[in-house]
Amino acid sequence: MDKTNSSLTGAHPTLYWHRLEDGRVQCDLCPRHCQLREGKRGACYVRANRGGAIVLTSYGRSSGFCIDPIEKKPLNHFLPGTSVLSFGTAGCNLSCEFCQNWHISKSRQWDTLADEATPSRLAHTAKSHQCASVAFTYNDPVIFMEYAVDTAIACHEQGVKAVAVTAGYIDERPREAFFKHMDAANVDLKGFTERFYRKLCHGQLQPVLDTLIYLKQETQVWLELTNLLIPDENDSPKEIEAMCLWIADNLGPDVPIHFSAFHPDFHMLEKPATPKATLIQARRIAQEVGLNYVYTGNVHDQAGDTTWCPHCGKLLIGRNWYLLEQWNLHRGACPDCHQKIPGVFQDEPGHFGRQRIPVRMA
């Protein structure tokens, strides 16, 4: 469903806001609830009060397009080996001190949004490049919800799936409207204490947990998690164990989780990179707690890249970075013990490999 050209002028209407008695307008998209006077932008930078209403100022504009392996999102149980057209806009509704995409998520320069594309053009581009899905990524799609939803609808009309890579920081009403158009999501569970979220993300943990429970219990969206481990901040065995126990109790043991390595960036240049041993230890803790599909990321660890049958231990999908080297799934199940493996699988894997292909819409 494409909008008119006026939608690409930077003032696209939105639904989730209300007027306050003092003349300001409150945005009701996320837990920040920014209260804005005329002409002011929210903390996300891309939603603003114009004419007494909240508008999206980045509709139809992107910080770039690239075709990636789906495993890079990361999603290991969603159409393995296929390609995904990835794009983002600018801004973010969290302010993570360790942001790995800060040049996009913290951008205040409109030349970051150099590429323009309507939802239908994105869908046709994905289709013409034989991408199985489109991913809203690089910055959080929650803040460009209207653009993401319209693009997801256009993609579905072309038989292309929609993927959200998100921190899950969204209020209840827009959460339902957003995720009903998504086929898969990787949610970044950044830590497992309110202290961590307040100190390093300038947000709250509980809304993220609420989003995770909603996704698992009330939708058919395929869900995977990412946890970026930062030395001396969220990498203690006690915190990792508590998080994994919560996942097992609230989301179940079959939701895949990816432990990824921090590298010094943005406002945390003094921190050392995460040792590979920390990721391997986190994976072991998660497995001991009872999680069935635990992966490591940003390091070369073939055991941690591989999908194993949790029942008999057979190697099912062997990965070398983003390259699928072994495929032993049979109709989505282990060929030896017939254990059904949760996920969205084709009979045969894709063969996109490790490629990264920049795409220009012009």
Protein backbone atom coordinates (compact mmCIF):
# COMPACT_ATOMS: atom_id res chain seq x y z
CA MET A 1 0.00 0.00 0.00
CA ASP A 2 1.90 3.05 -1.22
CA LYS A 3 1.21 6.55 -0.05
CA THR A 4 1.16 9.61 -2.25
CA ASN A 5 4.29 11.60 -2.97
CA SER A 6 3.37 13.94 -0.12
CA SER A 7 4.24 11.08 2.23
CA LEU A 8 7.87 11.39 1.16
CA THR A 9 8.19 15.05 2.12
CA GLY A 10 9.04 14.28 5.74
CA ALA A 11 5.73 14.84 7.51
CA HIS A 12 3.92 11.53 7.44
CA PRO A 13 0.91 11.30 9.79
CA THR A 14 1.02 8.95 12.79
CA LEU A 15 -1.61 7.52 15.14
CA TYR A 16 -0.09 7.13 18.60
CA TRP A 17 -0.17 10.51 20.33
CA HIS A 18 -2.52 12.81 22.22
CA ARG A 19 -2.75 16.52 23.03
CA LEU A 20 -2.04 17.81 26.53
CA GLU A 21 -3.87 20.62 28.31
CA ASP A 22 -0.84 22.93 28.16
CA GLY A 23 -0.75 22.78 24.36
CA ARG A 24 2.01 20.22 24.03
CA VAL A 25 1.54 16.88 22.27
CA GLN A 26 2.57 13.59 23.87
CA CYS A 27 3.93 10.77 21.71
CA ASP A 28 2.50 7.40 22.80
CA LEU A 29 4.66 5.16 20.63
CA CYS A 30 7.24 4.13 23.22
CA PRO A 31 7.79 4.32 26.99
CA ARG A 32 9.60 7.65 26.69
CA HIS A 33 6.26 9.45 26.13
CA CYS A 34 7.98 12.57 24.81
CA GLN A 35 5.93 15.73 25.41
CA LEU A 36 6.63 18.17 22.60
CA ARG A 37 5.87 21.76 21.81
CA GLU A 38 5.28 22.88 18.24
CA GLY A 39 8.31 22.23 16.03
CA LYS A 40 10.17 20.08 18.57
CA ARG A 41 11.44 16.56 17.94
CA GLY A 42 11.26 13.58 20.25
CA ALA A 43 14.26 11.78 21.71
CA CYS A 44 14.20 9.47 18.68
CA TYR A 45 14.78 12.55 16.45
CA VAL A 46 12.46 11.38 13.65
CA ARG A 47 9.05 11.99 15.28
CA ALA A 48 8.08 15.63 15.74
CA ASN A 49 5.22 17.96 16.64
CA ARG A 50 4.09 19.75 13.50
CA GLY A 51 0.79 21.56 13.43
CA GLY A 52 -0.26 20.10 16.76
CA ALA A 53 0.21 16.47 15.73
CA ILE A 54 3.04 13.94 15.84
CA VAL A 55 4.43 13.21 12.37
CA LEU A 56 7.15 10.86 11.13
CA THR A 57 9.86 12.91 9.42
CA SER A 58 11.84 10.02 7.89
CA TYR A 59 9.12 8.20 5.93
CA GLY A 60 10.50 6.93 2.64
CA ARG A 61 14.09 7.93 3.40
CA SER A 62 16.86 5.50 4.27
CA SER A 63 20.46 5.48 5.44
CA GLY A 64 21.18 2.82 2.83
CA PHE A 65 20.17 -0.56 1.45
CA CYS A 66 22.18 -3.77 1.45
CA ILE A 67 21.53 -7.44 0.69
CA ASP A 68 22.82 -9.64 3.54
CA PRO A 69 22.61 -13.26 4.64
CA ILE A 70 19.65 -13.72 6.99
CA GLU A 71 22.07 -15.19 9.56
CA LYS A 72 23.57 -11.72 9.96
CA LYS A 73 20.42 -10.26 11.54
CA PRO A 74 20.99 -12.69 13.39
CA LEU A 75 18.29 -15.27 12.60
CA ASN A 76 19.39 -18.92 12.49
CA HIS A 77 15.99 -20.61 12.41
CA PHE A 78 14.28 -18.41 9.81
CA LEU A 79 14.81 -19.40 6.16
CA PRO A 80 18.50 -20.37 6.65
CA GLY A 81 20.89 -19.51 3.85
CA THR A 82 18.57 -16.99 2.18
CA SER A 83 19.23 -13.34 1.43
CA VAL A 84 17.52 -10.38 3.03
CA LEU A 85 17.26 -6.77 1.84
CA SER A 86 18.30 -4.70 4.85
CA PHE A 87 17.68 -1.02 5.46
CA GLY A 88 17.20 1.53 8.21
CA THR A 89 16.56 5.24 8.62
CA ALA A 90 18.06 7.45 11.35
CA GLY A 91 17.56 7.98 15.06
CA CYS A 92 16.65 5.67 17.94
CA ASN A 93 14.42 5.73 21.01
CA LEU A 94 17.16 4.34 23.27
CA SER A 95 20.47 6.08 23.91
CA CYS A 96 22.89 3.22 24.40
CA GLU A 97 26.36 4.33 25.43
CA PHE A 98 27.79 1.32 23.56
CA CYS A 99 25.83 1.69 20.31
CA GLN A 100 27.52 -0.23 17.49
CA ASN A 101 25.53 1.65 14.78
CA TRP A 102 25.78 5.11 16.33
CA HIS A 103 26.58 6.84 13.02
CA ILE A 104 23.03 5.90 11.95
CA SER A 105 21.03 5.62 15.16
CA LYS A 106 22.46 8.85 16.60
CA SER A 107 22.63 10.75 13.34
CA ARG A 108 21.26 14.28 13.35
CA GLN A 109 22.32 14.89 9.75
CA TRP A 110 19.68 14.51 7.06
CA ASP A 111 22.32 13.61 4.49
CA THR A 112 22.42 10.28 6.33
CA LEU A 113 19.04 9.68 4.72
CA ALA A 114 20.38 10.00 1.20
CA ASP A 115 18.34 7.19 -0.35
CA GLU A 116 14.61 7.36 -1.01
CA ALA A 117 12.25 4.48 -1.72
CA THR A 118 8.53 3.94 -1.51
CA PRO A 119 7.30 0.73 0.14
CA SER A 120 6.31 -0.75 -3.22
CA ARG A 121 9.71 0.00 -4.70
CA LEU A 122 11.40 -1.71 -1.77
CA ALA A 123 9.18 -4.75 -2.23
CA HIS A 124 9.88 -4.92 -5.96
CA THR A 125 13.61 -4.50 -5.37
CA ALA A 126 13.64 -7.36 -2.86
CA LYS A 127 11.67 -9.53 -5.26
CA SER A 128 13.86 -8.72 -8.27
CA HIS A 129 17.02 -9.55 -6.28
CA GLN A 130 15.45 -12.85 -5.13
CA CYS A 131 15.51 -11.86 -1.46
CA ALA A 132 13.28 -14.02 0.70
CA SER A 133 12.73 -11.17 3.15
CA VAL A 134 13.22 -7.49 3.95
CA ALA A 135 14.75 -6.52 7.30
CA PHE A 136 14.17 -3.26 9.14
CA THR A 137 17.51 -2.86 10.88
CA TYR A 138 20.58 -0.62 11.50
CA ASN A 139 18.36 1.56 13.68
CA ASP A 140 15.17 0.52 15.48
CA PRO A 141 12.13 0.16 13.19
CA VAL A 142 9.81 0.98 16.08
CA ILE A 143 10.53 4.68 15.52
CA PHE A 144 9.76 4.49 11.78
CA MET A 145 6.79 2.21 12.39
CA GLU A 146 4.53 3.63 9.67
CA TYR A 147 7.19 3.25 6.98
CA ALA A 148 8.06 -0.27 8.17
CA VAL A 149 4.42 -1.41 8.29
CA ASP A 150 3.63 -0.05 4.83
CA THR A 151 6.75 -1.74 3.49
CA ALA A 152 5.83 -5.05 5.17
CA ILE A 153 2.38 -4.91 3.56
CA ALA A 154 3.89 -4.22 0.14
CA CYS A 155 6.39 -7.05 0.62
CA HIS A 156 3.68 -9.54 1.54
CA GLU A 157 1.90 -8.68 -1.71
CA GLN A 158 5.10 -9.78 -3.50
CA GLY A 159 5.56 -12.95 -1.42
CA VAL A 160 8.46 -11.42 0.53
CA LYS A 161 8.68 -11.78 4.33
CA ALA A 162 9.22 -8.93 6.80
CA VAL A 163 11.80 -9.01 9.59
CA ALA A 164 12.16 -6.57 12.51
CA VAL A 165 15.52 -6.18 14.23
CA THR A 166 14.54 -4.25 17.31
CA ALA A 167 15.17 -3.49 20.98
CA GLY A 168 11.46 -4.05 21.65
CA TYR A 169 11.05 -0.67 23.34
CA ILE A 170 7.45 0.05 22.40
CA ASP A 171 4.10 0.66 24.11
CA GLU A 172 1.25 -1.83 24.19
CA ARG A 173 -1.12 -0.44 21.52
CA PRO A 174 1.46 0.29 18.82
CA ARG A 175 3.22 -2.98 19.67
CA GLU A 176 0.21 -4.98 18.48
CA ALA A 177 -0.20 -2.86 15.34
CA PHE A 178 3.49 -3.12 14.47
CA PHE A 179 4.14 -6.81 15.01
CA LYS A 180 1.00 -8.08 13.32
CA HIS A 181 2.76 -7.25 10.03
CA MET A 182 6.08 -8.94 10.92
CA ASP A 183 7.04 -12.52 10.10
CA ALA A 184 10.15 -12.67 12.28
CA ALA A 185 11.91 -10.56 14.88
CA ASN A 186 15.27 -10.52 16.55
CA VAL A 187 14.92 -8.63 19.81
CA ASP A 188 18.03 -7.19 21.42
CA LEU A 189 17.77 -7.98 25.14
CA LYS A 190 20.60 -5.68 26.12
CA GLY A 191 20.96 -6.73 29.75
CA PHE A 192 18.90 -8.12 32.55
CA THR A 193 18.85 -5.42 35.22
CA GLU A 194 17.04 -2.13 35.45
CA ARG A 195 20.37 -0.62 36.50
CA PHE A 196 21.96 -1.61 33.19
CA TYR A 197 19.08 -0.18 31.15
CA ARG A 198 19.00 3.07 33.13
CA LYS A 199 22.78 3.59 33.22
CA LEU A 200 23.82 2.49 29.73
CA CYS A 201 20.64 2.58 27.60
CA HIS A 202 18.78 5.46 29.29
CA GLY A 203 15.62 3.36 29.23
CA GLN A 204 13.81 0.64 31.15
CA LEU A 205 14.01 -3.16 31.11
CA GLN A 206 10.40 -4.06 31.89
CA PRO A 207 8.84 -2.78 28.63
CA VAL A 208 11.29 -4.98 26.71
CA LEU A 209 10.32 -8.02 28.76
CA ASP A 210 6.65 -7.19 28.13
CA THR A 211 7.33 -7.11 24.39
CA LEU A 212 9.06 -10.50 24.52
CA ILE A 213 6.20 -12.11 26.40
CA TYR A 214 3.70 -10.58 23.98
CA LEU A 215 5.60 -11.84 20.94
CA LYS A 216 5.91 -15.37 22.28
CA GLN A 217 2.49 -15.79 23.82
CA GLU A 218 0.21 -13.73 21.58
CA THR A 219 1.68 -13.76 18.06
CA GLN A 220 2.97 -16.12 15.39
CA VAL A 221 6.08 -13.99 14.81
CA TRP A 222 9.21 -16.12 14.73
CA LEU A 223 11.35 -14.84 17.64
CA GLU A 224 15.08 -14.93 18.33
CA LEU A 225 17.07 -12.95 20.91
CA THR A 226 20.44 -11.23 20.93
CA ASN A 227 22.43 -10.37 24.06
CA LEU A 228 25.53 -8.20 23.58
CA LEU A 229 27.91 -9.01 26.43
CA ILE A 230 29.94 -6.04 27.71
CA PRO A 231 32.85 -6.69 30.08
CA ASP A 232 32.02 -5.85 33.71
CA GLU A 233 28.58 -4.48 32.80
CA ASN A 234 26.24 -7.38 31.94
CA ASP A 235 28.54 -10.38 31.56
CA SER A 236 28.55 -11.87 35.07
CA PRO A 237 27.60 -15.56 35.23
CA LYS A 238 24.92 -14.67 37.79
CA GLU A 239 23.19 -12.17 35.50
CA ILE A 240 23.45 -14.46 32.47
CA GLU A 241 21.94 -17.32 34.46
CA ALA A 242 19.10 -15.15 35.76
CA MET A 243 18.31 -13.96 32.23
CA CYS A 244 18.34 -17.49 30.82
CA LEU A 245 16.10 -18.77 33.61
CA TRP A 246 13.63 -15.98 32.84
CA ILE A 247 13.71 -16.89 29.15
CA ALA A 248 13.11 -20.56 29.91
CA ASP A 249 10.22 -19.78 32.27
CA ASN A 250 8.52 -17.07 30.20
CA LEU A 251 9.40 -17.77 26.57
CA GLY A 252 10.25 -21.46 26.68
CA PRO A 253 13.47 -23.38 25.99
CA ASP A 254 13.17 -23.27 22.18
CA VAL A 255 13.63 -19.53 21.58
CA PRO A 256 17.12 -19.17 20.09
CA ILE A 257 19.49 -16.74 21.77
CA HIS A 258 22.67 -15.25 20.28
CA PHE A 259 25.43 -14.06 22.61
CA SER A 260 27.48 -11.48 20.73
CA ALA A 261 30.76 -9.74 21.38
CA PHE A 262 31.06 -6.05 22.23
CA HIS A 263 33.73 -3.94 20.57
CA PRO A 264 34.71 -0.47 21.82
CA ASP A 265 32.56 2.17 20.13
CA PHE A 266 30.62 5.41 20.57
CA HIS A 267 30.85 6.50 24.25
CA MET A 268 32.46 3.29 25.52
CA LEU A 269 35.86 3.40 23.84
CA GLU A 270 37.62 2.61 27.11
CA LYS A 271 36.03 -0.82 27.43
CA PRO A 272 37.94 -3.83 26.10
CA ALA A 273 36.36 -6.09 23.52
CA THR A 274 34.48 -9.10 24.84
CA PRO A 275 36.75 -12.17 25.07
CA LYS A 276 35.64 -15.19 23.09
CA ALA A 277 35.79 -17.19 26.32
CA THR A 278 33.02 -15.04 27.79
CA LEU A 279 30.67 -15.95 24.94
CA ILE A 280 31.51 -19.63 25.23
CA GLN A 281 30.87 -19.49 28.98
CA ALA A 282 27.52 -17.72 28.43
CA ARG A 283 26.52 -20.38 25.92
CA ARG A 284 27.37 -23.11 28.42
CA ILE A 285 25.35 -21.41 31.18
CA ALA A 286 22.33 -21.06 28.89
CA GLN A 287 22.54 -24.73 27.91
CA GLU A 288 22.85 -25.82 31.53
CA VAL A 289 19.74 -23.79 32.38
CA GLY A 290 17.90 -25.72 29.66
CA LEU A 291 17.85 -23.48 26.58
CA ASN A 292 18.04 -25.65 23.47
CA TYR A 293 19.36 -23.30 20.79
CA VAL A 294 22.23 -21.11 21.96
CA TYR A 295 24.61 -19.36 19.56
CA THR A 296 27.71 -17.18 19.74
CA GLY A 297 28.26 -14.20 17.46
CA ASN A 298 30.97 -11.81 16.27
CA VAL A 299 33.63 -14.47 16.91
CA HIS A 300 34.67 -17.52 14.93
CA ASP A 301 33.18 -20.42 16.89
CA GLN A 302 31.80 -23.17 14.70
CA ALA A 303 30.31 -25.09 17.64
CA GLY A 304 28.50 -21.90 18.65
CA ASP A 305 27.38 -21.24 15.07
CA THR A 306 25.96 -24.73 14.61
CA THR A 307 22.41 -25.92 15.16
CA TRP A 308 22.42 -29.20 17.09
CA CYS A 309 19.52 -31.53 17.81
CA PRO A 310 18.71 -31.01 21.51
CA HIS A 311 17.42 -34.59 21.79
CA CYS A 312 20.18 -36.73 20.23
CA GLY A 313 22.98 -34.22 19.61
CA LYS A 314 23.16 -34.62 15.83
CA LEU A 315 24.62 -31.76 13.81
CA LEU A 316 21.69 -30.30 11.86
CA ILE A 317 22.95 -27.03 10.34
CA GLY A 318 26.69 -26.47 10.20
CA ARG A 319 27.75 -22.83 9.74
CA ASN A 320 31.11 -21.20 9.15
CA TRP A 321 30.46 -17.54 9.90
CA TYR A 322 27.45 -16.90 7.64
CA LEU A 323 28.13 -19.76 5.24
CA LEU A 324 26.04 -22.93 5.53
CA GLU A 325 28.43 -25.87 5.12
CA GLN A 326 26.20 -28.74 6.29
CA TRP A 327 22.44 -29.28 6.08
CA ASN A 328 20.95 -32.35 7.72
CA LEU A 329 17.42 -31.17 8.46
CA HIS A 330 14.67 -33.30 6.95
CA ARG A 331 11.34 -31.50 6.67
CA GLY A 332 12.25 -29.34 9.64
CA ALA A 333 13.22 -32.28 11.86
CA CYS A 334 16.26 -34.26 12.94
CA PRO A 335 16.72 -37.16 10.48
CA ASP A 336 17.94 -39.52 13.23
CA CYS A 337 15.52 -39.07 16.14
CA HIS A 338 12.80 -37.11 14.27
CA GLN A 339 12.84 -34.31 16.84
CA LYS A 340 10.95 -31.34 15.35
CA ILE A 341 13.17 -28.24 15.24
CA PRO A 342 11.26 -25.00 15.82
CA GLY A 343 11.64 -22.34 13.17
CA VAL A 344 10.67 -21.40 9.64
CA PHE A 345 12.50 -23.79 7.33
CA GLN A 346 12.39 -24.59 3.64
CA ASP A 347 12.96 -28.14 2.39
CA GLU A 348 16.32 -27.00 1.02
CA PRO A 349 18.51 -24.21 2.42
CA GLY A 350 19.38 -21.05 0.57
CA HIS A 351 22.87 -20.64 -0.84
CA PHE A 352 23.50 -16.90 -0.48
CA GLY A 353 26.60 -17.41 1.65
CA ARG A 354 28.65 -14.56 3.09
CA GLN A 355 27.95 -11.97 0.41
CA ARG A 356 27.13 -8.36 1.22
CA ILE A 357 25.71 -6.47 -1.74
CA PRO A 358 25.02 -2.70 -1.46
CA VAL A 359 21.94 -1.61 -3.40
CA ARG A 360 21.02 1.86 -4.65
CA MET A 361 17.41 2.68 -5.40
CA ALA A 362 18.19 5.55 -7.79
